Amino acid sequence: MEILQVLLDPILPVFAIMAFGFAMGRAGKTGVEDARLLNRFAMSILLPVFIFGLIANTSIQSFSFVPVMIYLVVQIVIFSCGFLVALHLFGRTPAESILLGFCGVFGNNALYVLPMSVLLYGQANVLPVTSIVTLDAIFAFGLSMLALQIISLGKASPVSIALGIARLPMLQAIVVGLIVSLAGIAVPAPVNTFVRFSGAGAAPVALYALGVVLSQTRFQPDRLVISFTLVKLLLFPAMIWLGLEMFAAQDDGRNLFLLASAAPAGAMSFSLAMLYHVRTDAIAQIIILTSVLSLITLAMLA
């Protein structure tokens, strides 16, 4: 009964905006180009605002060091293996291989698990999930975007690459948020109001746009799609669980770290694919499969 209650609220209501976008896309009410514009707006404005507020208002020094390091090490190992498998075994391009490896380790925590956790446990009790969102923003997301930017700029000079990267709103938000947090600077109340008001739109806008584009995706899962779906749903959480059992079994936030690892493949992988004009069919199918299949596992863990 508790699992059903958690599934009905808040998991399905958060999931519903993506399903609504899917339905509107199928009905022809919102087109793919509209969704791309919404995605660019979310990625360039709303999500950077959200990420800045998240990092700037979080005491990074208070993060549980051992579980966060376990999470980071597992991410590095599985991302690296996923990248090599996609590149050499499945013959995908370097850019798509980066995003497929990213799918295997980057959960939809900022747009999906964090708002769900806040509804379940309250803002004051979700520091483990916040720490994973921050970790993902700085390392998994930031470094993947960095690699994609370098690939997109090709053989440009180091200066032009550096300037191109410096112009990315997401990385700017990460850097400024880190400076504010580490320096202990209090964010002014009007800025926090703007961040809360605008950043709250990041998740629904991005998930709606994702649903629209997914509605036009031909669903034909192949070995690659199934393999990376299993990596995200089974291998990654299993490795996180093993690491926590071995090195952080007594940590108070252990279950929330595990919940974060079980999140469906992040919508940001799809957003980055659209942003950098990378093939999206496999990534879209992985997101669909993990989003649907993770509904029950998230309810059980929550």
Protein backbone atom coordinates (compact mmCIF):
# COMPACT_ATOMS: atom_id res chain seq x y z
CA MET A 1 0.00 0.00 0.00
CA GLU A 2 2.83 2.43 0.82
CA ILE A 3 4.48 1.69 -2.53
CA LEU A 4 1.19 2.44 -4.30
CA GLN A 5 0.78 5.69 -2.37
CA VAL A 6 4.29 6.86 -3.27
CA LEU A 7 3.71 5.84 -6.88
CA LEU A 8 0.47 7.83 -7.04
CA ASP A 9 1.99 10.85 -5.28
CA PRO A 10 4.56 12.21 -6.03
CA ILE A 11 6.09 9.89 -8.67
CA LEU A 12 3.30 9.81 -11.26
CA PRO A 13 2.44 13.54 -10.97
CA VAL A 14 6.07 14.44 -11.72
CA PHE A 15 6.20 11.87 -14.53
CA ALA A 16 2.87 13.18 -15.90
CA ILE A 17 4.29 16.36 -17.47
CA MET A 18 6.49 14.27 -19.77
CA ALA A 19 3.53 12.03 -20.58
CA PHE A 20 1.45 15.14 -21.30
CA GLY A 21 4.12 16.39 -23.71
CA PHE A 22 4.11 12.96 -25.37
CA ALA A 23 0.33 13.12 -25.82
CA MET A 24 0.44 16.67 -27.18
CA GLY A 25 3.16 15.66 -29.61
CA ARG A 26 1.18 12.68 -30.84
CA ALA A 27 -1.92 14.85 -31.23
CA GLY A 28 0.05 17.36 -33.29
CA LYS A 29 -0.64 20.18 -30.82
CA THR A 30 3.08 20.81 -30.19
CA GLY A 31 5.66 20.23 -32.90
CA VAL A 32 9.24 19.07 -32.62
CA GLU A 33 10.56 22.51 -33.54
CA ASP A 34 8.47 24.02 -30.74
CA ALA A 35 9.95 21.43 -28.40
CA ARG A 36 13.48 22.27 -29.53
CA LEU A 37 12.84 25.94 -28.75
CA LEU A 38 11.47 25.02 -25.33
CA ASN A 39 14.46 22.77 -24.73
CA ARG A 40 16.90 25.53 -25.64
CA PHE A 41 15.07 27.93 -23.31
CA ALA A 42 15.22 25.40 -20.46
CA MET A 43 18.88 24.54 -21.09
CA SER A 44 20.09 28.10 -21.64
CA ILE A 45 18.04 30.01 -19.05
CA LEU A 46 15.92 28.02 -16.61
CA LEU A 47 18.27 25.15 -15.81
CA PRO A 48 21.36 27.36 -15.29
CA VAL A 49 19.29 29.49 -12.89
CA PHE A 50 18.15 26.35 -11.05
CA ILE A 51 21.67 24.88 -10.87
CA PHE A 52 23.16 28.18 -9.66
CA GLY A 53 20.58 28.40 -6.87
CA LEU A 54 21.08 24.77 -5.93
CA ILE A 55 24.87 25.00 -5.64
CA ALA A 56 25.05 28.54 -4.21
CA ASN A 57 22.55 27.77 -1.43
CA THR A 58 24.04 24.41 -0.49
CA SER A 59 26.87 24.06 1.99
CA ILE A 60 29.16 21.86 -0.07
CA GLN A 61 31.35 21.36 3.00
CA SER A 62 28.44 19.56 4.72
CA PHE A 63 28.15 16.84 2.07
CA SER A 64 28.85 13.29 3.25
CA PHE A 65 32.28 12.85 1.70
CA VAL A 66 32.49 9.05 1.53
CA PRO A 67 29.13 8.32 -0.20
CA VAL A 68 29.70 11.18 -2.65
CA MET A 69 33.15 9.84 -3.53
CA ILE A 70 31.72 6.32 -3.94
CA TYR A 71 29.12 7.73 -6.32
CA LEU A 72 31.75 9.66 -8.29
CA VAL A 73 34.13 6.70 -8.62
CA VAL A 74 31.35 4.37 -9.80
CA GLN A 75 30.23 7.02 -12.30
CA ILE A 76 33.74 7.35 -13.72
CA VAL A 77 34.16 3.58 -14.10
CA ILE A 78 30.78 2.90 -15.69
CA PHE A 79 30.86 6.01 -17.90
CA SER A 80 34.31 5.06 -19.22
CA CYS A 81 33.25 1.48 -19.93
CA GLY A 82 30.00 2.65 -21.52
CA PHE A 83 31.81 5.11 -23.77
CA LEU A 84 34.27 2.45 -24.96
CA VAL A 85 31.53 -0.13 -25.54
CA ALA A 86 29.41 2.32 -27.56
CA LEU A 87 32.42 3.51 -29.56
CA HIS A 88 34.14 0.19 -30.32
CA LEU A 89 31.49 -2.53 -29.91
CA PHE A 90 28.50 -0.68 -31.38
CA GLY A 91 30.44 1.63 -33.72
CA ARG A 92 28.82 4.91 -32.63
CA THR A 93 30.43 8.32 -33.08
CA PRO A 94 32.52 9.80 -30.25
CA ALA A 95 29.82 12.39 -29.49
CA GLU A 96 27.01 9.82 -29.31
CA SER A 97 29.24 7.45 -27.32
CA ILE A 98 29.81 10.20 -24.74
CA LEU A 99 26.06 10.66 -24.37
CA LEU A 100 25.37 6.92 -24.19
CA GLY A 101 27.95 6.57 -21.43
CA PHE A 102 26.32 9.62 -19.83
CA CYS A 103 22.91 7.86 -20.00
CA GLY A 104 24.32 4.99 -17.97
CA VAL A 105 25.38 7.12 -14.99
CA PHE A 106 23.37 10.35 -15.09
CA GLY A 107 19.96 9.97 -13.48
CA ASN A 108 17.07 12.36 -13.89
CA ASN A 109 17.67 13.66 -10.37
CA ALA A 110 17.43 17.44 -10.82
CA LEU A 111 14.23 17.27 -12.87
CA TYR A 112 12.63 14.15 -11.37
CA VAL A 113 14.01 12.63 -8.15
CA LEU A 114 14.82 15.90 -6.33
CA PRO A 115 11.32 17.44 -6.63
CA MET A 116 9.87 14.02 -5.76
CA SER A 117 12.16 13.76 -2.70
CA VAL A 118 11.26 17.27 -1.52
CA LEU A 119 7.57 16.35 -1.69
CA LEU A 120 8.24 13.13 0.24
CA TYR A 121 10.79 14.20 2.84
CA GLY A 122 10.83 18.00 2.88
CA GLN A 123 13.49 20.45 1.69
CA ALA A 124 15.59 20.07 4.85
CA ASN A 125 16.00 16.30 4.52
CA VAL A 126 17.16 15.78 0.96
CA LEU A 127 20.83 16.81 1.25
CA PRO A 128 22.05 13.46 -0.18
CA VAL A 129 20.02 13.95 -3.36
CA THR A 130 21.09 17.59 -3.52
CA SER A 131 24.72 16.50 -3.22
CA ILE A 132 24.30 14.08 -6.14
CA VAL A 133 22.61 16.76 -8.27
CA THR A 134 25.52 19.08 -7.48
CA LEU A 135 28.05 16.34 -8.21
CA ASP A 136 26.33 15.56 -11.51
CA ALA A 137 26.18 19.23 -12.47
CA ILE A 138 29.87 19.76 -11.80
CA PHE A 139 31.37 16.51 -13.08
CA ALA A 140 29.09 14.26 -15.17
CA PHE A 141 27.14 17.05 -16.88
CA GLY A 142 29.89 19.66 -16.91
CA LEU A 143 32.61 17.37 -18.28
CA SER A 144 30.28 15.75 -20.84
CA MET A 145 29.28 19.19 -22.12
CA LEU A 146 32.94 20.17 -22.17
CA ALA A 147 33.82 17.12 -24.28
CA LEU A 148 30.90 17.73 -26.66
CA GLN A 149 31.89 21.38 -27.04
CA ILE A 150 35.46 20.40 -27.92
CA ILE A 151 34.20 17.85 -30.47
CA SER A 152 31.79 20.39 -31.99
CA LEU A 153 34.57 22.97 -32.37
CA GLY A 154 36.77 20.41 -34.09
CA LYS A 155 40.33 21.56 -34.73
CA ALA A 156 39.83 25.06 -33.40
CA SER A 157 42.61 26.68 -31.42
CA PRO A 158 42.78 26.21 -27.64
CA VAL A 159 41.80 29.86 -27.21
CA SER A 160 38.65 29.53 -29.33
CA ILE A 161 37.73 26.30 -27.53
CA ALA A 162 38.21 27.98 -24.15
CA LEU A 163 36.12 30.97 -25.23
CA GLY A 164 33.39 28.69 -26.61
CA ILE A 165 33.23 26.75 -23.36
CA ALA A 166 33.26 29.94 -21.27
CA ARG A 167 30.12 31.10 -23.08
CA LEU A 168 28.07 28.06 -21.99
CA PRO A 169 25.38 29.29 -19.52
CA MET A 170 25.33 25.97 -17.64
CA LEU A 171 29.06 25.96 -16.93
CA GLN A 172 28.93 29.64 -16.01
CA ALA A 173 26.18 28.85 -13.50
CA ILE A 174 28.21 25.98 -12.03
CA VAL A 175 31.34 28.10 -11.62
CA VAL A 176 29.52 31.09 -10.10
CA GLY A 177 27.50 28.82 -7.80
CA LEU A 178 30.67 27.09 -6.60
CA ILE A 179 32.37 30.43 -5.88
CA VAL A 180 29.38 31.68 -3.89
CA SER A 181 29.02 28.43 -1.93
CA LEU A 182 32.70 27.93 -1.11
CA ALA A 183 33.14 31.59 -0.18
CA GLY A 184 30.16 31.43 2.16
CA ILE A 185 28.46 34.37 0.45
CA ALA A 186 24.80 34.77 1.38
CA VAL A 187 22.63 35.01 -1.73
CA PRO A 188 20.47 38.18 -1.51
CA ALA A 189 16.77 37.58 -0.91
CA PRO A 190 15.63 39.13 -4.24
CA VAL A 191 18.08 36.87 -6.11
CA ASN A 192 16.78 33.82 -4.26
CA THR A 193 13.22 34.80 -5.11
CA PHE A 194 14.16 35.05 -8.79
CA VAL A 195 15.98 31.72 -8.62
CA ARG A 196 13.05 29.93 -6.96
CA PHE A 197 10.49 31.47 -9.32
CA SER A 198 12.42 30.91 -12.57
CA GLY A 199 14.30 27.75 -11.64
CA ALA A 200 11.05 26.00 -10.77
CA GLY A 201 10.18 26.03 -14.47
CA ALA A 202 13.28 24.08 -15.52
CA ALA A 203 11.91 20.62 -14.76
CA PRO A 204 8.41 20.92 -16.28
CA VAL A 205 9.58 22.78 -19.41
CA ALA A 206 12.44 20.35 -20.12
CA LEU A 207 10.30 17.27 -19.39
CA TYR A 208 7.42 18.56 -21.52
CA ALA A 209 9.78 19.22 -24.44
CA LEU A 210 11.29 15.79 -23.98
CA GLY A 211 7.84 14.18 -24.09
CA VAL A 212 7.01 15.98 -27.34
CA VAL A 213 10.17 14.81 -29.07
CA LEU A 214 9.82 11.29 -27.69
CA SER A 215 6.34 11.14 -29.23
CA GLN A 216 8.00 11.24 -32.65
CA THR A 217 10.56 8.57 -31.77
CA ARG A 218 10.22 5.21 -33.45
CA PHE A 219 10.39 2.64 -30.68
CA GLN A 220 12.50 -0.29 -31.83
CA PRO A 221 14.89 -1.23 -29.01
CA ASP A 222 18.00 -3.03 -30.23
CA ARG A 223 20.98 -4.55 -28.42
CA LEU A 224 22.51 -1.14 -27.74
CA VAL A 225 19.30 0.29 -26.25
CA ILE A 226 18.68 -2.77 -24.09
CA SER A 227 22.30 -2.88 -22.94
CA PHE A 228 22.41 0.74 -21.76
CA THR A 229 18.93 0.45 -20.23
CA LEU A 230 20.19 -2.45 -18.11
CA VAL A 231 23.34 -0.51 -17.22
CA LYS A 232 21.26 2.41 -15.87
CA LEU A 233 18.55 0.38 -14.15
CA LEU A 234 20.58 -2.53 -12.77
CA LEU A 235 24.37 -2.24 -13.04
CA PHE A 236 24.78 1.35 -11.85
CA PRO A 237 22.49 1.04 -8.77
CA ALA A 238 24.03 -2.35 -7.95
CA MET A 239 27.53 -0.88 -8.00
CA ILE A 240 26.41 2.07 -5.85
CA TRP A 241 24.76 -0.33 -3.39
CA LEU A 242 27.91 -2.44 -3.20
CA GLY A 243 30.10 0.61 -2.63
CA LEU A 244 27.79 1.91 0.10
CA GLU A 245 27.64 -1.52 1.77
CA MET A 246 31.41 -1.74 1.82
CA PHE A 247 32.37 1.80 2.83
CA ALA A 248 29.32 3.75 4.07
CA ALA A 249 26.83 1.25 5.48
CA GLN A 250 26.11 3.47 8.51
CA ASP A 251 25.64 6.75 6.63
CA ASP A 252 22.29 8.37 7.46
CA GLY A 253 21.65 9.32 3.83
CA ARG A 254 22.52 5.90 2.40
CA ASN A 255 18.99 5.16 1.14
CA LEU A 256 18.69 8.52 -0.62
CA PHE A 257 22.02 8.00 -2.39
CA LEU A 258 20.67 4.66 -3.59
CA LEU A 259 17.40 6.32 -4.65
CA ALA A 260 19.38 8.85 -6.72
CA SER A 261 21.29 6.04 -8.44
CA ALA A 262 18.03 4.32 -9.43
CA ALA A 263 16.66 7.39 -11.25
CA PRO A 264 15.78 6.95 -14.94
CA ALA A 265 18.32 8.10 -17.52
CA GLY A 266 18.55 11.87 -17.37
CA ALA A 267 16.57 14.03 -19.74
CA MET A 268 19.71 16.16 -20.02
CA SER A 269 21.34 13.51 -22.20
CA PHE A 270 18.59 14.08 -24.75
CA SER A 271 18.76 17.85 -24.32
CA LEU A 272 22.51 17.79 -24.95
CA ALA A 273 21.99 15.59 -28.01
CA MET A 274 19.57 18.14 -29.47
CA LEU A 275 21.83 21.02 -28.49
CA TYR A 276 24.87 19.50 -30.24
CA HIS A 277 22.99 17.85 -33.14
CA VAL A 278 23.84 14.30 -32.07
CA ARG A 279 21.79 11.29 -33.17
CA THR A 280 18.94 10.86 -30.67
CA ASP A 281 17.06 7.63 -31.53
CA ALA A 282 18.92 5.31 -29.12
CA ILE A 283 19.13 7.94 -26.37
CA ALA A 284 15.39 8.64 -26.63
CA GLN A 285 14.51 4.95 -26.36
CA ILE A 286 16.78 4.51 -23.33
CA ILE A 287 15.04 7.42 -21.61
CA ILE A 288 11.60 5.99 -22.41
CA LEU A 289 12.45 2.50 -21.16
CA THR A 290 14.20 3.64 -17.99
CA SER A 291 11.46 6.19 -17.22
CA VAL A 292 8.72 3.57 -17.41
CA LEU A 293 10.59 0.69 -15.78
CA SER A 294 11.92 2.80 -12.93
CA LEU A 295 8.44 3.82 -11.73
CA ILE A 296 8.08 0.71 -9.56
CA THR A 297 11.70 0.57 -8.36
CA LEU A 298 11.65 4.23 -7.33
CA ALA A 299 8.39 3.69 -5.45
CA MET A 300 9.92 0.74 -3.63
CA LEU A 301 13.10 2.63 -2.69
CA ALA A 302 11.24 5.82 -1.74
